[in-house]
Amino acid sequence: MGGASGGEGHRAAYDDGSLRITLLAAPGSVALAGEVDEDNCPGMAAALEQLAAGAAGLRIDLAELAFCDLAGLRVLVGLTTPGAAPAEA
């Protein structure tokens, strides 16, 4: 899993072996790499919710995301709704 999430100096906010959420250099920016499915969707939701709570906005780079099921898409769409918590699977 290379690309934006594999650079030096970037710290993983979440990594379960299938999905990695990496903090990028720009404030409020993260990269998702790997796969999101029903097994890791709750972990992704919790990590993104925590990151979004501490930022004025959240920019998510999905370039290295190989697969995202419907539950993962619901979480991502939920982040775009002001005041809405990300939906969990």
Protein backbone atom coordinates (compact mmCIF):
# COMPACT_ATOMS: atom_id res chain seq x y z
CA MET A 1 0.00 0.00 0.00
CA GLY A 2 2.08 2.90 -1.27
CA GLY A 3 0.97 6.32 -2.42
CA ALA A 4 0.05 9.19 -0.13
CA SER A 5 -0.38 6.97 2.89
CA GLY A 6 3.02 5.33 2.67
CA GLY A 7 5.25 8.39 3.04
CA GLU A 8 7.72 8.97 5.82
CA GLY A 9 6.57 11.14 8.69
CA HIS A 10 2.95 10.07 8.34
CA ARG A 11 1.44 8.46 11.41
CA ALA A 12 -1.21 5.74 11.34
CA ALA A 13 -4.41 6.70 13.15
CA TYR A 14 -5.85 3.21 12.57
CA ASP A 15 -4.43 -0.01 11.17
CA ASP A 16 -6.08 -3.42 11.37
CA GLY A 17 -4.06 -5.16 8.69
CA SER A 18 -6.78 -4.69 6.05
CA LEU A 19 -7.35 -0.94 6.39
CA ARG A 20 -4.91 1.78 7.32
CA ILE A 21 -5.89 5.37 8.10
CA THR A 22 -2.85 7.62 7.94
CA LEU A 23 -2.57 11.20 9.14
CA LEU A 24 -1.14 13.39 6.39
CA ALA A 25 0.96 16.55 6.72
CA ALA A 26 -1.90 18.95 5.96
CA PRO A 27 -4.11 19.63 9.02
CA GLY A 28 -7.33 17.61 8.96
CA SER A 29 -6.10 15.37 6.12
CA VAL A 30 -6.03 11.57 6.21
CA ALA A 31 -5.51 8.80 3.67
CA LEU A 32 -7.33 5.47 3.61
CA ALA A 33 -5.52 2.49 2.11
CA GLY A 34 -6.63 -1.12 1.80
CA GLU A 35 -10.15 -2.46 2.15
CA VAL A 36 -13.24 -1.51 4.16
CA ASP A 37 -15.78 -4.24 4.90
CA GLU A 38 -18.28 -5.13 7.60
CA ASP A 39 -15.53 -6.44 9.87
CA ASN A 40 -13.48 -3.24 10.09
CA CYS A 41 -16.19 -0.66 9.36
CA PRO A 42 -16.93 0.03 13.06
CA GLY A 43 -13.22 0.65 13.71
CA MET A 44 -12.98 2.96 10.70
CA ALA A 45 -16.11 4.83 11.81
CA ALA A 46 -14.75 5.35 15.33
CA ALA A 47 -11.35 6.52 14.07
CA LEU A 48 -12.83 8.95 11.53
CA GLU A 49 -15.36 10.28 14.03
CA GLN A 50 -12.57 10.98 16.52
CA LEU A 51 -10.44 12.67 13.84
CA ALA A 52 -13.36 14.75 12.58
CA ALA A 53 -14.22 15.90 16.11
CA GLY A 54 -10.78 17.43 16.54
CA ALA A 55 -10.65 19.25 13.20
CA ALA A 56 -12.43 22.13 11.47
CA GLY A 57 -12.89 19.78 8.52
CA LEU A 58 -11.67 16.40 7.36
CA ARG A 59 -10.13 15.74 3.95
CA ILE A 60 -9.98 12.06 3.06
CA ASP A 61 -7.69 10.73 0.32
CA LEU A 62 -9.20 7.52 -1.07
CA ALA A 63 -6.64 6.95 -3.85
CA GLU A 64 -5.23 3.82 -2.19
CA LEU A 65 -8.59 2.39 -1.06
CA ALA A 66 -9.00 -0.84 -3.04
CA PHE A 67 -12.49 -1.80 -1.82
CA CYS A 68 -15.27 -0.22 0.22
CA ASP A 69 -18.57 -1.98 0.92
CA LEU A 70 -21.91 -0.28 1.47
CA ALA A 71 -21.41 0.08 5.23
CA GLY A 72 -18.14 1.91 4.61
CA LEU A 73 -19.78 4.19 2.08
CA ARG A 74 -22.49 5.03 4.62
CA VAL A 75 -19.81 6.04 7.11
CA LEU A 76 -18.09 8.28 4.56
CA VAL A 77 -21.37 9.89 3.45
CA GLY A 78 -22.37 10.35 7.11
CA LEU A 79 -19.24 12.45 7.63
CA THR A 80 -20.53 14.97 5.07
CA THR A 81 -23.75 15.63 6.99
CA PRO A 82 -23.24 18.42 9.55
CA GLY A 83 -23.98 17.22 13.08
CA ALA A 84 -24.45 13.60 12.01
CA ALA A 85 -22.35 10.86 13.54
CA PRO A 86 -20.93 8.34 11.07
CA ALA A 87 -23.23 5.34 10.64
CA GLU A 88 -21.83 2.03 11.80
CA ALA A 89 -22.47 -1.33 10.18
